[in-house]
């Protein structure tokens, strides 16, 4: 059983920065694409950023491109999301996921439990 644990969420002011981390219990992140998704009440979960192994090719949702950066610690199997210039529309629960198609955002692997990000105006 693969487990993913997100951390780094919290309250941040609009225009500020936040860094999310996702720790994976085994080496799944080294073989499968990993992604960050987010969800707000009443809305569907949406893909935010995705990273493919082995070269680290990335894909971003248009709403975060240029502001968010996904990266991977190849040794430890961790995945990160650097969030810059955040705005209130970025407020959501952020989830880490394995086994993602970075083009279609379809996901077949495992989910973390999520971490809350709240951006104040």
N, C-alpha and C. Protein backbone atom coordinates (compact mmCIF):
# COMPACT_ATOMS: atom_id res chain seq x y z
N UNK A 1 0.84 -1.19 0.00
CA UNK A 1 0.00 0.00 0.00
C UNK A 1 0.88 1.24 0.00
N UNK A 2 0.66 2.10 -0.95
CA UNK A 2 1.41 3.34 -1.05
C UNK A 2 0.70 4.43 -0.27
N UNK A 3 1.43 5.18 0.51
CA UNK A 3 0.83 6.30 1.22
C UNK A 3 1.50 7.59 0.80
N UNK A 4 0.71 8.64 0.70
CA UNK A 4 1.20 9.96 0.37
C UNK A 4 0.76 10.92 1.47
N UNK A 5 1.67 11.73 1.94
CA UNK A 5 1.36 12.67 3.01
C UNK A 5 1.76 14.07 2.58
N UNK A 6 0.77 14.96 2.49
CA UNK A 6 1.03 16.34 2.14
C UNK A 6 1.29 17.17 3.39
N UNK A 7 2.06 18.22 3.22
CA UNK A 7 2.31 19.18 4.30
C UNK A 7 2.63 20.53 3.69
N UNK A 8 2.62 21.56 4.54
CA UNK A 8 2.99 22.89 4.09
C UNK A 8 1.84 23.83 3.85
N UNK A 9 0.62 23.34 3.95
CA UNK A 9 -0.53 24.22 3.77
C UNK A 9 -0.67 25.19 4.93
N UNK A 10 -1.55 26.17 4.74
CA UNK A 10 -1.77 27.14 5.81
C UNK A 10 -2.42 28.40 5.27
N UNK A 11 -2.33 29.46 6.06
CA UNK A 11 -2.90 30.75 5.70
C UNK A 11 -1.79 31.66 5.17
N UNK A 12 -2.05 32.28 4.03
CA UNK A 12 -1.05 33.18 3.43
C UNK A 12 -1.79 34.37 2.84
N UNK A 13 -1.15 35.51 2.84
CA UNK A 13 -1.75 36.71 2.27
C UNK A 13 -1.64 36.71 0.75
N UNK A 14 -2.58 37.36 0.13
CA UNK A 14 -2.55 37.49 -1.31
C UNK A 14 -1.23 38.13 -1.75
N UNK A 15 -0.63 37.54 -2.78
CA UNK A 15 0.67 38.00 -3.25
C UNK A 15 1.85 37.28 -2.61
N UNK A 16 1.57 36.49 -1.60
CA UNK A 16 2.63 35.78 -0.89
C UNK A 16 2.97 34.44 -1.53
N UNK A 17 3.77 33.66 -0.80
CA UNK A 17 4.26 32.37 -1.30
C UNK A 17 4.03 31.28 -0.28
N UNK A 18 3.97 30.05 -0.79
CA UNK A 18 3.79 28.87 0.05
C UNK A 18 4.43 27.70 -0.67
N UNK A 19 4.99 26.76 0.07
CA UNK A 19 5.60 25.58 -0.52
C UNK A 19 4.97 24.33 0.08
N UNK A 20 4.35 23.54 -0.78
CA UNK A 20 3.74 22.29 -0.35
C UNK A 20 4.69 21.14 -0.61
N UNK A 21 4.65 20.16 0.27
CA UNK A 21 5.48 18.96 0.12
C UNK A 21 4.60 17.73 0.14
N UNK A 22 5.03 16.71 -0.58
CA UNK A 22 4.33 15.43 -0.60
C UNK A 22 5.36 14.33 -0.43
N UNK A 23 5.25 13.61 0.67
CA UNK A 23 6.17 12.51 0.95
C UNK A 23 5.48 11.21 0.57
N UNK A 24 6.18 10.41 -0.24
CA UNK A 24 5.63 9.14 -0.73
C UNK A 24 6.32 8.00 -0.01
N UNK A 25 5.53 6.98 0.36
CA UNK A 25 6.06 5.91 1.20
C UNK A 25 7.00 4.97 0.48
N UNK A 26 6.93 4.94 -0.85
CA UNK A 26 7.86 4.09 -1.58
C UNK A 26 8.23 4.79 -2.86
N UNK A 27 8.94 4.09 -3.74
CA UNK A 27 9.52 4.77 -4.89
C UNK A 27 8.59 5.02 -6.05
N UNK A 28 7.29 5.10 -5.79
CA UNK A 28 6.34 5.29 -6.88
C UNK A 28 6.62 6.55 -7.68
N UNK A 29 7.04 7.61 -6.98
CA UNK A 29 7.23 8.88 -7.68
C UNK A 29 8.36 8.80 -8.68
N UNK A 30 9.22 7.77 -8.54
CA UNK A 30 10.33 7.65 -9.49
C UNK A 30 9.91 6.94 -10.76
N UNK A 31 8.74 6.28 -10.76
CA UNK A 31 8.32 5.53 -11.94
C UNK A 31 7.04 6.06 -12.56
N UNK A 32 6.24 6.77 -11.81
CA UNK A 32 4.98 7.30 -12.33
C UNK A 32 4.98 8.82 -12.29
N UNK A 33 4.19 9.39 -13.17
CA UNK A 33 4.00 10.83 -13.10
C UNK A 33 3.26 11.17 -11.81
N UNK A 34 3.62 12.30 -11.23
CA UNK A 34 3.01 12.77 -9.98
C UNK A 34 2.36 14.11 -10.26
N UNK A 35 1.34 14.43 -9.50
CA UNK A 35 0.64 15.69 -9.73
C UNK A 35 0.05 16.25 -8.45
N UNK A 36 -0.22 17.54 -8.52
CA UNK A 36 -0.99 18.23 -7.48
C UNK A 36 -2.35 18.59 -8.08
N UNK A 37 -3.39 18.30 -7.31
CA UNK A 37 -4.75 18.69 -7.65
C UNK A 37 -5.27 19.60 -6.54
N UNK A 38 -6.37 20.28 -6.80
CA UNK A 38 -6.99 21.07 -5.75
C UNK A 38 -8.51 21.01 -5.90
N UNK A 39 -9.19 21.25 -4.77
CA UNK A 39 -10.64 21.18 -4.78
C UNK A 39 -11.21 22.17 -3.78
N UNK A 40 -12.26 22.86 -4.21
CA UNK A 40 -13.02 23.75 -3.33
C UNK A 40 -14.44 23.20 -3.22
N UNK A 41 -15.16 23.54 -2.14
CA UNK A 41 -16.52 23.02 -1.94
C UNK A 41 -17.43 23.30 -3.13
N UNK A 42 -18.12 22.28 -3.58
CA UNK A 42 -19.07 22.44 -4.67
C UNK A 42 -18.46 22.37 -6.05
N UNK A 43 -17.14 22.21 -6.12
CA UNK A 43 -16.47 22.15 -7.42
C UNK A 43 -15.74 20.82 -7.58
N UNK A 44 -15.51 20.45 -8.83
CA UNK A 44 -14.75 19.23 -9.10
C UNK A 44 -13.27 19.44 -8.81
N UNK A 45 -12.61 18.34 -8.49
CA UNK A 45 -11.17 18.41 -8.28
C UNK A 45 -10.49 18.73 -9.61
N UNK A 46 -9.56 19.66 -9.59
CA UNK A 46 -8.88 20.06 -10.83
C UNK A 46 -7.38 19.86 -10.72
N UNK A 47 -6.79 19.49 -11.86
CA UNK A 47 -5.35 19.33 -11.91
C UNK A 47 -4.67 20.68 -11.91
N UNK A 48 -3.59 20.79 -11.14
CA UNK A 48 -2.86 22.05 -11.00
C UNK A 48 -1.49 21.97 -11.66
N UNK A 49 -0.73 20.93 -11.31
CA UNK A 49 0.62 20.79 -11.84
C UNK A 49 0.98 19.31 -11.86
N UNK A 50 1.74 18.91 -12.89
CA UNK A 50 2.08 17.51 -13.08
C UNK A 50 3.54 17.40 -13.50
N UNK A 51 4.21 16.33 -13.07
CA UNK A 51 5.61 16.14 -13.44
C UNK A 51 5.83 14.69 -13.81
N UNK A 52 6.52 14.48 -14.95
CA UNK A 52 6.74 13.14 -15.47
C UNK A 52 8.15 12.66 -15.15
N UNK A 53 8.30 11.36 -14.87
CA UNK A 53 9.65 10.81 -14.85
C UNK A 53 10.01 10.34 -16.25
N UNK A 54 11.27 10.14 -16.60
CA UNK A 54 12.40 10.44 -15.74
C UNK A 54 12.95 11.84 -15.93
N UNK A 55 12.55 12.48 -17.02
CA UNK A 55 13.16 13.77 -17.33
C UNK A 55 12.57 14.95 -16.60
N UNK A 56 11.41 14.75 -15.96
CA UNK A 56 10.82 15.85 -15.22
C UNK A 56 10.02 16.82 -16.05
N UNK A 57 9.55 16.39 -17.23
CA UNK A 57 8.69 17.26 -18.04
C UNK A 57 7.44 17.62 -17.23
N UNK A 58 7.04 18.89 -17.31
CA UNK A 58 5.93 19.37 -16.47
C UNK A 58 4.76 19.88 -17.30
N UNK A 59 3.61 19.96 -16.66
CA UNK A 59 2.41 20.53 -17.25
C UNK A 59 1.66 21.28 -16.16
N UNK A 60 1.08 22.42 -16.51
CA UNK A 60 0.40 23.25 -15.52
C UNK A 60 -0.98 23.66 -16.03
N UNK A 61 -1.88 23.87 -15.08
CA UNK A 61 -3.16 24.46 -15.42
C UNK A 61 -2.92 25.92 -15.82
N UNK A 62 -3.67 26.43 -16.79
CA UNK A 62 -3.47 27.82 -17.23
C UNK A 62 -3.57 28.83 -16.08
N UNK A 63 -4.39 28.54 -15.09
CA UNK A 63 -4.61 29.50 -14.01
C UNK A 63 -3.41 29.65 -13.09
N UNK A 64 -2.46 28.70 -13.13
CA UNK A 64 -1.31 28.77 -12.23
C UNK A 64 0.02 28.87 -12.98
N UNK A 65 0.00 28.72 -14.28
CA UNK A 65 1.22 28.73 -15.06
C UNK A 65 1.95 30.05 -14.88
N UNK A 66 3.25 29.98 -14.60
CA UNK A 66 4.04 31.17 -14.36
C UNK A 66 4.08 31.58 -12.90
N UNK A 67 3.21 31.00 -12.07
CA UNK A 67 3.18 31.31 -10.64
C UNK A 67 3.57 30.10 -9.78
N UNK A 68 3.17 28.91 -10.20
CA UNK A 68 3.44 27.69 -9.44
C UNK A 68 4.52 26.89 -10.16
N UNK A 69 5.33 26.16 -9.37
CA UNK A 69 6.36 25.30 -9.91
C UNK A 69 6.33 23.96 -9.19
N UNK A 70 6.22 22.89 -9.96
CA UNK A 70 6.28 21.54 -9.40
C UNK A 70 7.69 21.00 -9.58
N UNK A 71 8.19 20.30 -8.56
CA UNK A 71 9.52 19.72 -8.64
C UNK A 71 9.52 18.40 -7.89
N UNK A 72 10.63 17.68 -8.04
CA UNK A 72 10.69 16.34 -7.47
C UNK A 72 12.07 16.09 -6.90
N UNK A 73 12.11 15.48 -5.74
CA UNK A 73 13.37 15.01 -5.17
C UNK A 73 13.52 13.57 -5.63
N UNK A 74 14.36 13.32 -6.60
CA UNK A 74 14.44 12.00 -7.22
C UNK A 74 14.93 10.93 -6.24
N UNK A 75 15.73 11.35 -5.29
CA UNK A 75 16.29 10.39 -4.34
C UNK A 75 15.25 9.98 -3.29
N UNK A 76 14.62 10.96 -2.70
CA UNK A 76 13.69 10.70 -1.61
C UNK A 76 12.30 10.36 -2.09
N UNK A 77 12.00 10.65 -3.35
CA UNK A 77 10.67 10.36 -3.84
C UNK A 77 9.65 11.37 -3.42
N UNK A 78 10.07 12.54 -3.01
CA UNK A 78 9.13 13.59 -2.62
C UNK A 78 8.81 14.48 -3.80
N UNK A 79 7.66 15.11 -3.74
CA UNK A 79 7.22 16.05 -4.76
C UNK A 79 6.82 17.35 -4.07
N UNK A 80 7.13 18.46 -4.71
CA UNK A 80 6.89 19.76 -4.10
C UNK A 80 6.06 20.65 -5.03
N UNK A 81 5.39 21.62 -4.44
CA UNK A 81 4.69 22.63 -5.22
C UNK A 81 5.02 24.00 -4.63
N UNK A 82 5.81 24.76 -5.35
CA UNK A 82 6.12 26.12 -4.95
C UNK A 82 5.05 27.04 -5.51
N UNK A 83 4.35 27.73 -4.61
CA UNK A 83 3.25 28.60 -5.00
C UNK A 83 3.65 30.05 -4.75
N UNK A 84 3.76 30.82 -5.81
CA UNK A 84 4.12 32.23 -5.70
C UNK A 84 2.98 33.10 -6.20
N UNK A 85 2.97 34.35 -5.76
CA UNK A 85 1.95 35.31 -6.19
C UNK A 85 0.55 34.72 -6.06
N UNK A 86 0.28 34.13 -4.92
CA UNK A 86 -1.02 33.50 -4.72
C UNK A 86 -2.12 34.55 -4.63
N UNK A 87 -3.34 34.15 -4.93
CA UNK A 87 -4.50 35.02 -4.83
C UNK A 87 -5.65 34.23 -4.20
N UNK A 88 -6.72 34.91 -3.78
CA UNK A 88 -7.81 34.20 -3.08
C UNK A 88 -8.41 33.04 -3.88
N UNK A 89 -8.33 33.10 -5.21
CA UNK A 89 -8.86 32.00 -6.04
C UNK A 89 -8.03 30.72 -5.89
N UNK A 90 -6.85 30.82 -5.29
CA UNK A 90 -6.02 29.64 -5.05
C UNK A 90 -6.41 28.91 -3.77
N UNK A 91 -7.34 29.47 -3.01
CA UNK A 91 -7.80 28.83 -1.78
C UNK A 91 -8.49 27.51 -2.11
N UNK A 92 -8.01 26.42 -1.50
CA UNK A 92 -8.54 25.09 -1.80
C UNK A 92 -7.84 24.07 -0.91
N UNK A 93 -8.33 22.84 -0.96
CA UNK A 93 -7.59 21.72 -0.40
C UNK A 93 -6.73 21.18 -1.54
N UNK A 94 -5.45 21.06 -1.28
CA UNK A 94 -4.50 20.59 -2.29
C UNK A 94 -4.14 19.13 -2.01
N UNK A 95 -4.21 18.32 -3.06
CA UNK A 95 -3.95 16.90 -2.95
C UNK A 95 -2.77 16.50 -3.83
N UNK A 96 -1.97 15.60 -3.32
CA UNK A 96 -0.89 15.00 -4.08
C UNK A 96 -1.40 13.67 -4.63
N UNK A 97 -0.97 13.30 -5.85
CA UNK A 97 -1.45 12.07 -6.46
C UNK A 97 -0.36 11.40 -7.27
N UNK A 98 -0.42 10.07 -7.32
CA UNK A 98 0.48 9.30 -8.17
C UNK A 98 -0.29 8.76 -9.37
N UNK A 99 0.45 8.26 -10.35
CA UNK A 99 -0.19 7.64 -11.50
C UNK A 99 -1.12 8.58 -12.22
N UNK A 100 -0.54 9.63 -12.78
CA UNK A 100 -1.33 10.66 -13.45
C UNK A 100 -0.91 10.78 -14.91
N UNK A 101 -1.88 10.94 -15.79
CA UNK A 101 -1.57 11.29 -17.19
C UNK A 101 -1.48 12.81 -17.24
N UNK A 102 -0.29 13.31 -17.44
CA UNK A 102 -0.07 14.76 -17.36
C UNK A 102 -0.74 15.54 -18.49
N UNK A 103 -1.19 14.84 -19.53
CA UNK A 103 -1.87 15.55 -20.62
C UNK A 103 -3.37 15.63 -20.37
N UNK A 104 -3.96 14.52 -19.90
CA UNK A 104 -5.41 14.48 -19.71
C UNK A 104 -5.84 14.71 -18.27
N UNK A 105 -4.89 14.67 -17.33
CA UNK A 105 -5.12 14.78 -15.90
C UNK A 105 -5.88 13.58 -15.34
N UNK A 106 -6.01 12.52 -16.11
CA UNK A 106 -6.63 11.32 -15.57
C UNK A 106 -5.68 10.68 -14.56
N UNK A 107 -6.26 10.15 -13.47
CA UNK A 107 -5.44 9.63 -12.37
C UNK A 107 -5.90 8.24 -12.01
N UNK A 108 -4.96 7.32 -11.85
CA UNK A 108 -5.30 5.94 -11.51
C UNK A 108 -4.53 5.40 -10.31
N UNK A 109 -3.72 6.22 -9.72
CA UNK A 109 -2.87 5.74 -8.62
C UNK A 109 -3.46 6.04 -7.26
N UNK A 110 -2.67 6.67 -6.41
CA UNK A 110 -3.04 6.92 -5.03
C UNK A 110 -3.16 8.42 -4.76
N UNK A 111 -3.96 8.75 -3.71
CA UNK A 111 -4.14 10.12 -3.27
C UNK A 111 -3.61 10.31 -1.87
N UNK A 112 -3.18 11.52 -1.60
CA UNK A 112 -2.91 11.89 -0.22
C UNK A 112 -4.19 12.36 0.44
N UNK A 113 -4.09 12.77 1.70
CA UNK A 113 -5.28 13.18 2.45
C UNK A 113 -5.61 14.65 2.24
N UNK A 114 -4.69 15.39 1.65
CA UNK A 114 -4.94 16.80 1.34
C UNK A 114 -4.42 17.74 2.41
N UNK A 115 -4.09 18.95 1.97
CA UNK A 115 -3.67 20.00 2.89
C UNK A 115 -4.37 21.29 2.50
N UNK A 116 -4.89 22.01 3.49
CA UNK A 116 -5.68 23.21 3.22
C UNK A 116 -4.77 24.40 2.97
N UNK A 117 -5.06 25.13 1.89
CA UNK A 117 -4.39 26.39 1.60
C UNK A 117 -5.47 27.48 1.58
N UNK A 118 -5.26 28.50 2.38
CA UNK A 118 -6.20 29.62 2.44
C UNK A 118 -5.45 30.91 2.16
N UNK A 119 -5.92 31.65 1.15
CA UNK A 119 -5.28 32.91 0.78
C UNK A 119 -6.21 34.05 1.16
N UNK A 120 -5.72 34.93 2.00
CA UNK A 120 -6.52 36.07 2.44
C UNK A 120 -6.26 37.27 1.53
N UNK A 121 -7.31 38.05 1.30
CA UNK A 121 -7.18 39.21 0.41
C UNK A 121 -6.71 40.45 1.16
